[in-house]
């Protein structure tokens, strides 16, 4: 059943996913207990608690979910914990410890704790299949509601019908297309891969599917724009089968070093410390850049969106008990955008003893969170379509202090995520002494910063909440 993936062992995750399908979606069993949990009655309780009573407040997803499920039955709470496991199984841009913590918290709402040794919560299983992107995390309530809708539909069918849906690809497509969904939900791609990994690629949106088909000469992105999921799947399957004759000894995956360079600008380079992923810029990457609002260089540029994000990052850190550094050149304008109680956390001088070159570099970073005399996190907020300046500053910092153990983040609008990762993988950043920048620095979208700032009880959280929203540049 499990098609092997080059340079990424996902067989444990696929086996766990198939067990969930058989035990919980086709059957009515449970992942973490011997109970009969995925039943019509329990799903109806979940619908009443979560779907029928949406929480439009400003808390984080898990806090709101626990609040919504508190009035429900114990069985419904445990069912939602298992649904959360299923929801988080595919995305690799959320770390396994973060997934594990959230699932355990949700299950504990049912009155018991999951043992530390629970195999379905291991890193091997929770490390993920492929990136879900920032959209999946930001719209997690919609994705959970969609999983609930899929489950509700299945539980209204006989066991024979359920088995048939997960036995034949065409039957699955007909079924999943008929279940109503709000928007272009990504979970349909994830569930389709779990059910038919030999027929479906490990891709959670259709953007890369179109890039692959275009880059490998099957059809242009303009042609495939209106293609259905089934059409894209079948075209990719035919392409992979044709490529198998060209690469008979390879375990083919479109993200492997053999195929990815043919449709993506990412490339692999051997170094003394092993292989790293780099992006060799094209002519399009070298063209003159425009600021976000479209005005030309040399004219007045409205930078208020970036100042707003700097202010929100400062407020988040202040509420979590950090002291905040803002560059002197930005401080006056950003300070005015920060809520009055949080301004007390702003520093006038950095309490560091680094030599002058390092100190001068650190002072220019857009937002820094400090605890005592130690830097905990540093954020560069990118406000133009170029992302060089922030990456260069982070690279300069690592070059000056290669053993500095701080967490680095590039913050930019969600639509610039791919560009951030492309630039991060340029040779100058990937072949740095010690470690590539992509292994040290993560991406956070403007939208995610706003979502974090809107959480009501930030003062009761720690900075690990960032792990739910940051994205890493994935290898291979």
Protein backbone atom coordinates (compact mmCIF):
# COMPACT_ATOMS: atom_id res chain seq x y z
CA UNK A 1 0.00 0.00 0.00
CA UNK A 2 2.66 2.53 1.00
CA UNK A 3 4.60 3.89 -1.97
CA UNK A 4 8.08 4.74 -0.74
CA UNK A 5 9.17 8.34 -1.00
CA UNK A 6 12.78 9.16 -1.85
CA UNK A 7 14.75 10.74 0.99
CA UNK A 8 11.72 10.89 3.31
CA UNK A 9 10.37 7.86 5.16
CA UNK A 10 6.66 8.38 5.62
CA UNK A 11 5.63 4.74 5.80
CA UNK A 12 4.87 4.89 9.54
CA UNK A 13 2.54 7.84 8.97
CA UNK A 14 0.81 6.11 6.07
CA UNK A 15 0.28 2.92 8.05
CA UNK A 16 -1.18 4.94 10.92
CA UNK A 17 -3.43 6.84 8.50
CA UNK A 18 -4.71 3.63 6.92
CA UNK A 19 -5.39 2.17 10.36
CA UNK A 20 -7.42 5.29 11.20
CA UNK A 21 -9.43 4.98 7.99
CA UNK A 22 -10.19 1.31 8.62
CA UNK A 23 -10.82 1.59 12.36
CA UNK A 24 -12.57 4.93 12.65
CA UNK A 25 -14.01 6.04 9.29
CA UNK A 26 -15.04 2.64 7.94
CA UNK A 27 -15.48 1.20 11.43
CA UNK A 28 -16.68 2.96 14.59
CA UNK A 29 -13.66 2.28 16.79
CA UNK A 30 -11.05 4.50 18.43
CA UNK A 31 -7.38 5.37 17.92
CA UNK A 32 -6.37 5.83 21.55
CA UNK A 33 -8.75 3.48 23.39
CA UNK A 34 -10.71 0.27 23.04
CA UNK A 35 -13.98 2.21 23.01
CA UNK A 36 -16.47 2.50 20.17
CA UNK A 37 -15.92 6.23 19.60
CA UNK A 38 -16.53 7.19 15.96
CA UNK A 39 -20.27 6.57 16.08
CA UNK A 40 -23.25 8.42 14.65
CA UNK A 41 -24.33 9.56 18.13
CA UNK A 42 -20.90 10.88 19.12
CA UNK A 43 -20.43 12.70 15.81
CA UNK A 44 -23.82 14.35 16.29
CA UNK A 45 -22.67 15.59 19.72
CA UNK A 46 -19.56 17.05 18.09
CA UNK A 47 -21.68 18.79 15.44
CA UNK A 48 -23.88 20.37 18.11
CA UNK A 49 -20.93 21.51 20.22
CA UNK A 50 -18.53 22.71 17.50
CA UNK A 51 -20.35 23.30 14.22
CA UNK A 52 -23.61 24.63 15.67
CA UNK A 53 -21.85 26.86 18.22
CA UNK A 54 -18.97 28.60 16.43
CA UNK A 55 -16.66 30.69 18.58
CA UNK A 56 -15.89 33.99 16.85
CA UNK A 57 -13.75 35.25 19.72
CA UNK A 58 -10.08 36.13 19.63
CA UNK A 59 -8.60 33.17 21.50
CA UNK A 60 -6.33 30.66 19.76
CA UNK A 61 -7.83 27.64 18.00
CA UNK A 62 -7.19 25.11 20.78
CA UNK A 63 -8.54 27.36 23.56
CA UNK A 64 -11.73 27.96 21.60
CA UNK A 65 -12.05 24.27 20.70
CA UNK A 66 -11.75 23.21 24.35
CA UNK A 67 -14.31 25.83 25.32
CA UNK A 68 -16.74 24.65 22.66
CA UNK A 69 -16.35 20.99 23.65
CA UNK A 70 -16.56 21.48 27.44
CA UNK A 71 -20.41 21.20 27.52
CA UNK A 72 -20.31 18.07 25.30
CA UNK A 73 -20.16 14.46 26.42
CA UNK A 74 -16.86 12.85 27.45
CA UNK A 75 -17.04 10.64 24.36
CA UNK A 76 -17.49 13.66 22.08
CA UNK A 77 -14.48 15.39 23.63
CA UNK A 78 -12.33 12.32 23.05
CA UNK A 79 -13.63 12.00 19.52
CA UNK A 80 -12.58 15.58 18.78
CA UNK A 81 -9.10 14.80 20.14
CA UNK A 82 -8.84 11.95 17.64
CA UNK A 83 -10.19 14.17 14.88
CA UNK A 84 -7.47 16.68 15.77
CA UNK A 85 -4.89 13.89 15.39
CA UNK A 86 -6.28 13.07 11.95
CA UNK A 87 -6.34 16.76 11.00
CA UNK A 88 -2.69 17.32 11.97
CA UNK A 89 -1.30 14.06 10.56
CA UNK A 90 -0.37 15.39 7.09
CA UNK A 91 1.12 18.90 7.63
CA UNK A 92 4.88 18.85 8.14
CA UNK A 93 5.13 22.60 8.76
CA UNK A 94 3.87 22.11 12.34
CA UNK A 95 6.38 20.40 14.59
CA UNK A 96 5.57 16.99 16.09
CA UNK A 97 5.89 18.19 19.74
CA UNK A 98 3.35 20.95 19.07
CA UNK A 99 0.92 18.47 17.51
CA UNK A 100 1.42 16.04 20.38
CA UNK A 101 0.80 18.70 23.04
CA UNK A 102 -2.44 19.87 21.42
CA UNK A 103 -3.80 16.34 20.97
CA UNK A 104 -2.94 15.41 24.56
CA UNK A 105 -4.58 18.59 25.90
CA UNK A 106 -7.74 17.88 23.95
CA UNK A 107 -7.88 14.24 25.05
CA UNK A 108 -7.37 15.22 28.71
CA UNK A 109 -10.63 17.19 28.47
CA UNK A 110 -12.26 13.75 28.45
CA UNK A 111 -11.01 13.05 31.97
CA UNK A 112 -7.97 10.84 31.25
CA UNK A 113 -4.43 11.36 30.00
CA UNK A 114 -2.76 9.72 27.05
CA UNK A 115 0.33 7.72 28.05
CA UNK A 116 3.72 9.11 27.05
CA UNK A 117 4.35 5.85 25.21
CA UNK A 118 1.28 6.16 22.95
CA UNK A 119 2.80 5.07 19.59
CA UNK A 120 0.41 7.14 17.48
CA UNK A 121 1.91 10.28 19.05
CA UNK A 122 5.51 9.42 18.17
CA UNK A 123 7.70 11.76 16.12
CA UNK A 124 7.89 9.15 13.34
CA UNK A 125 4.14 9.37 12.85
CA UNK A 126 3.51 13.03 13.63
CA UNK A 127 6.42 14.49 11.61
CA UNK A 128 4.06 14.86 8.65
CA UNK A 129 3.87 14.16 4.93
CA UNK A 130 4.19 17.59 3.31
CA UNK A 131 3.62 21.27 4.00
CA UNK A 132 0.10 22.45 4.63
CA UNK A 133 1.12 26.09 4.14
CA UNK A 134 -0.04 28.98 6.35
CA UNK A 135 -3.60 28.73 5.06
CA UNK A 136 -4.21 25.31 6.59
CA UNK A 137 -3.27 26.53 10.06
CA UNK A 138 -5.08 29.85 9.80
CA UNK A 139 -8.27 28.13 8.60
CA UNK A 140 -8.04 25.11 10.87
CA UNK A 141 -11.60 25.58 12.22
CA UNK A 142 -12.90 25.32 8.63
CA UNK A 143 -10.76 22.24 7.98
CA UNK A 144 -12.05 20.58 11.17
CA UNK A 145 -15.62 21.43 10.23
CA UNK A 146 -14.98 19.82 6.84
CA UNK A 147 -13.58 16.66 8.45
CA UNK A 148 -16.69 16.54 10.65
CA UNK A 149 -18.88 16.89 7.55
CA UNK A 150 -17.04 14.03 5.82
CA UNK A 151 -17.40 11.87 8.92
CA UNK A 152 -21.08 12.71 9.31
CA UNK A 153 -21.73 11.66 5.72
CA UNK A 154 -19.82 8.39 6.14
CA UNK A 155 -21.63 7.49 9.36
CA UNK A 156 -24.93 7.85 7.53
CA UNK A 157 -23.89 5.05 5.16
CA UNK A 158 -23.67 1.30 5.60
CA UNK A 159 -20.37 -0.42 6.35
CA UNK A 160 -20.40 -1.85 2.83
CA UNK A 161 -20.73 1.62 1.28
CA UNK A 162 -17.93 2.98 3.44
CA UNK A 163 -15.60 0.18 2.40
CA UNK A 164 -16.42 0.76 -1.26
CA UNK A 165 -15.58 4.48 -0.99
CA UNK A 166 -12.09 3.73 0.34
CA UNK A 167 -11.55 0.74 -1.94
CA UNK A 168 -11.90 2.47 -5.32
CA UNK A 169 -10.39 5.83 -6.27
CA UNK A 170 -13.30 6.82 -8.57
CA UNK A 171 -15.84 6.02 -5.86
CA UNK A 172 -13.85 8.12 -3.40
CA UNK A 173 -13.71 11.09 -5.80
CA UNK A 174 -17.44 10.91 -6.46
CA UNK A 175 -18.13 10.79 -2.72
CA UNK A 176 -15.73 13.53 -1.58
CA UNK A 177 -16.87 15.91 -4.34
CA UNK A 178 -20.48 15.48 -3.20
CA UNK A 179 -19.87 16.42 0.45
CA UNK A 180 -20.49 20.17 0.86
CA UNK A 181 -17.51 22.26 1.91
CA UNK A 182 -16.86 25.91 2.64
CA UNK A 183 -14.15 27.14 0.31
CA UNK A 184 -11.32 25.20 -1.27
CA UNK A 185 -10.52 22.91 1.65
CA UNK A 186 -7.07 21.32 1.71
CA UNK A 187 -8.09 18.31 3.77
CA UNK A 188 -9.66 16.66 0.72
CA UNK A 189 -6.15 16.39 -0.77
CA UNK A 190 -4.71 15.01 2.47
CA UNK A 191 -7.41 12.39 2.96
CA UNK A 192 -7.18 11.38 -0.71
CA UNK A 193 -3.45 10.77 -0.30
CA UNK A 194 -3.99 8.72 2.87
CA UNK A 195 -6.54 6.57 1.09
CA UNK A 196 -4.69 6.13 -2.22
CA UNK A 197 -0.97 6.93 -1.80
CA UNK A 198 -0.12 4.82 -4.84
CA UNK A 199 -2.34 7.01 -7.05
CA UNK A 200 -2.13 10.46 -5.43
CA UNK A 201 0.90 12.68 -4.83
CA UNK A 202 1.79 13.99 -1.35
CA UNK A 203 0.62 17.52 -2.20
CA UNK A 204 -1.94 19.42 -0.14
CA UNK A 205 -2.95 21.98 -2.78
CA UNK A 206 -3.14 22.07 -6.55
CA UNK A 207 -0.53 24.81 -7.04
CA UNK A 208 2.44 22.43 -7.10
CA UNK A 209 0.47 19.93 -9.19
CA UNK A 210 0.11 22.56 -11.90
CA UNK A 211 3.78 23.61 -11.62
CA UNK A 212 4.91 20.00 -12.02
CA UNK A 213 2.76 19.40 -15.08
CA UNK A 214 3.96 22.62 -16.65
CA UNK A 215 7.62 22.22 -15.71
CA UNK A 216 7.77 18.67 -17.05
CA UNK A 217 6.04 19.57 -20.30
CA UNK A 218 2.60 18.00 -19.85
CA UNK A 219 0.38 21.09 -19.91
CA UNK A 220 0.62 24.77 -19.07
CA UNK A 221 -0.70 26.14 -15.79
CA UNK A 222 -3.24 28.11 -17.82
CA UNK A 223 -4.55 24.85 -19.30
CA UNK A 224 -4.71 23.00 -15.98
CA UNK A 225 -6.25 25.89 -14.02
CA UNK A 226 -9.75 24.49 -14.48
CA UNK A 227 -8.84 20.82 -14.16
CA UNK A 228 -10.50 18.79 -11.42
CA UNK A 229 -8.61 17.00 -8.66
CA UNK A 230 -9.12 13.73 -10.53
CA UNK A 231 -7.75 15.14 -13.80
CA UNK A 232 -4.65 16.47 -12.05
CA UNK A 233 -4.11 13.20 -10.16
CA UNK A 234 -4.40 11.10 -13.30
CA UNK A 235 -2.12 13.36 -15.33
CA UNK A 236 0.53 13.18 -12.60
CA UNK A 237 0.17 9.41 -12.33
CA UNK A 238 0.66 9.01 -16.07
CA UNK A 239 3.65 11.34 -15.92
CA UNK A 240 5.23 9.40 -13.07
CA UNK A 241 4.67 6.11 -14.88
CA UNK A 242 6.30 7.45 -18.03
CA UNK A 243 9.24 8.77 -15.98
CA UNK A 244 9.71 5.33 -14.41
CA UNK A 245 11.07 4.03 -17.72
CA UNK A 246 13.62 6.85 -17.75
CA UNK A 247 14.62 6.33 -14.11
CA UNK A 248 14.12 2.57 -13.58
CA UNK A 249 16.29 2.39 -10.45
CA UNK A 250 14.75 5.40 -8.69
CA UNK A 251 11.89 5.52 -6.18
CA UNK A 252 10.14 8.41 -7.86
CA UNK A 253 8.65 11.34 -6.02
CA UNK A 254 8.21 14.76 -7.58
CA UNK A 255 10.00 16.35 -4.61
CA UNK A 256 13.03 14.08 -4.97
CA UNK A 257 16.40 15.50 -6.12
CA UNK A 258 15.94 13.67 -9.41
CA UNK A 259 12.68 15.39 -10.40
CA UNK A 260 12.26 18.58 -8.38
CA UNK A 261 14.96 20.57 -10.24
CA UNK A 262 13.04 19.94 -13.48
CA UNK A 263 9.99 21.88 -12.32
CA UNK A 264 11.26 23.96 -9.38
CA UNK A 265 14.13 26.39 -9.02
CA UNK A 266 15.36 24.46 -5.95
CA UNK A 267 18.61 22.52 -6.48
CA UNK A 268 20.83 20.28 -4.33
CA UNK A 269 24.50 21.04 -3.76
CA UNK A 270 27.06 18.80 -2.08
CA UNK A 271 29.15 20.36 0.68
CA UNK A 272 31.69 18.99 3.14
CA UNK A 273 28.88 18.78 5.71
CA UNK A 274 26.40 17.08 3.38
CA UNK A 275 23.84 18.16 0.77
CA UNK A 276 21.90 21.40 1.05
CA UNK A 277 19.05 22.82 -1.02
CA UNK A 278 19.75 26.01 -2.94
CA UNK A 279 17.88 28.18 -5.42
CA UNK A 280 19.78 29.59 -8.37
CA UNK A 281 17.94 32.83 -9.19
CA UNK A 282 16.42 33.31 -12.60
CA UNK A 283 16.15 36.54 -14.54
CA UNK A 284 12.74 37.11 -13.03
CA UNK A 285 14.28 37.11 -9.55
CA UNK A 286 16.81 39.76 -10.55
CA UNK A 287 14.40 42.35 -11.94
CA UNK A 288 13.79 45.65 -10.16
CA UNK A 289 11.55 45.23 -7.16
CA UNK A 290 8.48 47.28 -6.31
CA UNK A 291 7.26 48.09 -2.82
CA UNK A 292 4.06 46.43 -1.70
CA UNK A 293 1.79 49.31 -2.60
CA UNK A 294 3.13 49.40 -6.17
CA UNK A 295 4.83 52.79 -6.09
CA UNK A 296 8.24 53.18 -7.72
CA UNK A 297 11.51 53.56 -5.89
CA UNK A 298 12.31 57.13 -5.07
CA UNK A 299 8.67 58.05 -4.49
CA UNK A 300 6.86 58.23 -1.18
CA UNK A 301 6.22 54.69 0.05
CA UNK A 302 3.51 53.80 2.54
CA UNK A 303 5.24 51.53 5.05
CA UNK A 304 2.48 51.53 7.65
CA UNK A 305 1.59 47.84 7.11
CA UNK A 306 5.10 46.81 8.17
CA UNK A 307 5.07 49.22 11.12
CA UNK A 308 1.73 47.75 12.19
CA UNK A 309 3.23 44.25 12.11
CA UNK A 310 6.28 45.41 14.08
CA UNK A 311 3.90 46.87 16.65
CA UNK A 312 1.86 43.67 16.86
CA UNK A 313 5.02 41.58 17.31
CA UNK A 314 6.15 43.95 20.05
CA UNK A 315 2.78 43.66 21.82
CA UNK A 316 2.80 39.85 21.60
CA UNK A 317 6.26 39.68 23.14
CA UNK A 318 5.45 42.26 25.80
CA UNK A 319 2.34 40.40 26.91
CA UNK A 320 4.41 37.21 27.24
CA UNK A 321 6.83 38.98 29.55
CA UNK A 322 9.70 39.73 27.16
CA UNK A 323 11.55 42.99 26.85
CA UNK A 324 11.37 44.40 23.34
CA UNK A 325 13.98 45.99 21.10
CA UNK A 326 13.01 48.11 18.09
CA UNK A 327 15.56 49.81 15.80
CA UNK A 328 16.09 53.46 16.69
CA UNK A 329 15.04 54.58 13.22
CA UNK A 330 11.65 52.84 13.50
CA UNK A 331 11.01 53.23 17.21
CA UNK A 332 9.12 56.53 17.17
CA UNK A 333 6.67 55.51 14.45
CA UNK A 334 6.16 51.97 15.76
CA UNK A 335 5.86 53.05 19.40
CA UNK A 336 2.80 55.14 18.55
CA UNK A 337 1.08 52.00 17.23
CA UNK A 338 1.74 49.93 20.37
CA UNK A 339 -0.88 49.83 23.13
CA UNK A 340 0.04 52.03 26.09
CA UNK A 341 0.43 49.23 28.70
CA UNK A 342 2.85 47.33 26.43
CA UNK A 343 5.18 50.27 25.81
CA UNK A 344 6.79 49.74 29.20
CA UNK A 345 8.53 46.67 27.75
CA UNK A 346 10.41 48.72 25.12
CA UNK A 347 14.17 49.04 25.60
CA UNK A 348 16.19 52.16 24.97
CA UNK A 349 19.50 50.28 24.92
CA UNK A 350 20.39 46.65 24.25
CA UNK A 351 21.74 44.96 27.40
CA UNK A 352 24.37 42.99 25.44
CA UNK A 353 28.14 42.73 25.65
CA UNK A 354 28.84 41.70 22.05
CA UNK A 355 31.60 43.31 20.05
CA UNK A 356 30.61 46.33 17.98
CA UNK A 357 30.07 44.63 14.60
CA UNK A 358 27.64 42.12 16.10
CA UNK A 359 25.92 44.77 18.21
CA UNK A 360 25.45 47.08 15.21
CA UNK A 361 23.88 44.21 13.25
CA UNK A 362 21.55 43.22 16.07
CA UNK A 363 20.43 46.81 16.61
CA UNK A 364 19.03 46.94 13.06
CA UNK A 365 16.78 43.87 13.41
CA UNK A 366 13.12 44.90 13.23
CA UNK A 367 11.85 43.29 16.45
CA UNK A 368 13.77 41.39 19.14
CA UNK A 369 12.37 39.62 22.19
CA UNK A 370 14.74 39.42 25.15
CA UNK A 371 14.58 37.71 28.51
CA UNK A 372 17.12 39.23 30.84
CA UNK A 373 20.28 39.72 28.78
CA UNK A 374 19.48 36.90 26.35
CA UNK A 375 17.88 37.25 22.92
CA UNK A 376 15.10 34.65 22.55
CA UNK A 377 13.59 35.51 19.14
CA UNK A 378 14.42 37.95 16.36
CA UNK A 379 12.00 39.04 13.62
CA UNK A 380 12.69 40.74 10.30
CA UNK A 381 9.54 42.28 8.78
CA UNK A 382 9.68 42.52 4.98
CA UNK A 383 7.56 45.26 3.44
CA UNK A 384 8.71 45.23 -0.20
CA UNK A 385 8.65 42.46 -2.76
CA UNK A 386 12.39 42.04 -2.18
CA UNK A 387 13.25 39.93 0.84
CA UNK A 388 17.02 40.35 0.65
CA UNK A 389 17.54 42.87 3.46
CA UNK A 390 16.08 40.76 6.24
CA UNK A 391 17.78 37.58 5.09
CA UNK A 392 21.10 39.36 4.74
CA UNK A 393 20.81 40.74 8.27
CA UNK A 394 20.02 37.29 9.66
CA UNK A 395 22.92 35.79 7.67
CA UNK A 396 25.26 38.54 8.88
CA UNK A 397 24.26 37.77 12.45
CA UNK A 398 24.96 34.05 12.04
CA UNK A 399 28.26 34.76 10.30
CA UNK A 400 29.35 37.00 13.17
CA UNK A 401 28.03 34.71 15.89
CA UNK A 402 27.77 31.15 14.44
CA UNK A 403 27.02 29.65 17.86
CA UNK A 404 24.26 32.10 18.74
CA UNK A 405 21.25 30.06 19.88
CA UNK A 406 18.30 32.31 19.03
CA UNK A 407 15.25 31.66 16.90
CA UNK A 408 15.09 33.74 13.72
CA UNK A 409 11.98 34.61 11.70
CA UNK A 410 11.21 36.37 8.43
CA UNK A 411 7.75 37.96 8.56
CA UNK A 412 6.00 38.83 5.29
CA UNK A 413 2.58 38.61 3.60
CA UNK A 414 1.41 35.03 2.98
CA UNK A 415 1.61 35.42 -0.80
CA UNK A 416 5.37 35.99 -0.49
CA UNK A 417 6.04 32.72 1.39
CA UNK A 418 7.44 30.90 -1.65
CA UNK A 419 9.69 33.83 -2.55
CA UNK A 420 11.08 33.96 0.99
CA UNK A 421 11.99 30.27 0.77
CA UNK A 422 13.47 30.66 -2.72
CA UNK A 423 15.69 33.52 -1.58
CA UNK A 424 16.59 31.69 1.62
CA UNK A 425 17.95 28.85 -0.51
CA UNK A 426 20.23 30.97 -2.67
CA UNK A 427 23.78 29.61 -2.56
CA UNK A 428 25.00 32.55 -0.46
CA UNK A 429 22.57 31.58 2.32
CA UNK A 430 22.64 27.79 1.83
CA UNK A 431 26.42 27.34 1.71
CA UNK A 432 27.21 29.39 4.79
CA UNK A 433 29.83 28.01 7.14
CA UNK A 434 28.28 25.99 9.91
CA UNK A 435 24.63 25.73 8.85
CA UNK A 436 22.35 26.91 6.05
CA UNK A 437 20.04 29.79 6.87
CA UNK A 438 17.01 27.66 5.94
CA UNK A 439 17.74 25.37 8.91
CA UNK A 440 17.78 28.27 11.35
CA UNK A 441 15.26 30.82 10.09
CA UNK A 442 11.51 30.28 9.62
CA UNK A 443 8.69 32.15 7.85
CA UNK A 444 5.67 33.73 9.57
CA UNK A 445 2.93 35.44 7.58
CA UNK A 446 1.46 38.85 8.40
CA UNK A 447 -1.87 37.07 8.76
CA UNK A 448 -0.43 34.71 11.37
CA UNK A 449 0.99 37.62 13.40
CA UNK A 450 -2.46 39.21 13.45
CA UNK A 451 -4.02 35.89 14.45
CA UNK A 452 -1.57 35.45 17.34
CA UNK A 453 -2.11 39.03 18.52
CA UNK A 454 -5.86 38.47 18.58
CA UNK A 455 -5.57 35.66 21.15
CA UNK A 456 -7.20 36.97 24.31
CA UNK A 457 -5.00 35.33 26.94
CA UNK A 458 -1.52 35.90 25.55
CA UNK A 459 -0.20 36.73 29.01
CA UNK A 460 -0.95 33.13 30.04
CA UNK A 461 0.92 31.62 27.05
CA UNK A 462 4.61 31.29 26.29
CA UNK A 463 6.43 31.86 23.05
CA UNK A 464 6.00 28.22 21.96
CA UNK A 465 2.72 29.44 20.40
CA UNK A 466 4.91 30.71 17.55
CA UNK A 467 5.55 27.07 16.64
CA UNK A 468 1.92 26.72 15.57
CA UNK A 469 2.28 29.45 12.95
CA UNK A 470 5.89 29.39 11.73
CA UNK A 471 6.88 27.48 8.61
CA UNK A 472 10.18 25.88 7.75
CA UNK A 473 11.78 25.63 4.34
CA UNK A 474 11.36 21.93 3.67
CA UNK A 475 14.15 19.78 2.28
CA UNK A 476 13.62 17.65 -0.80
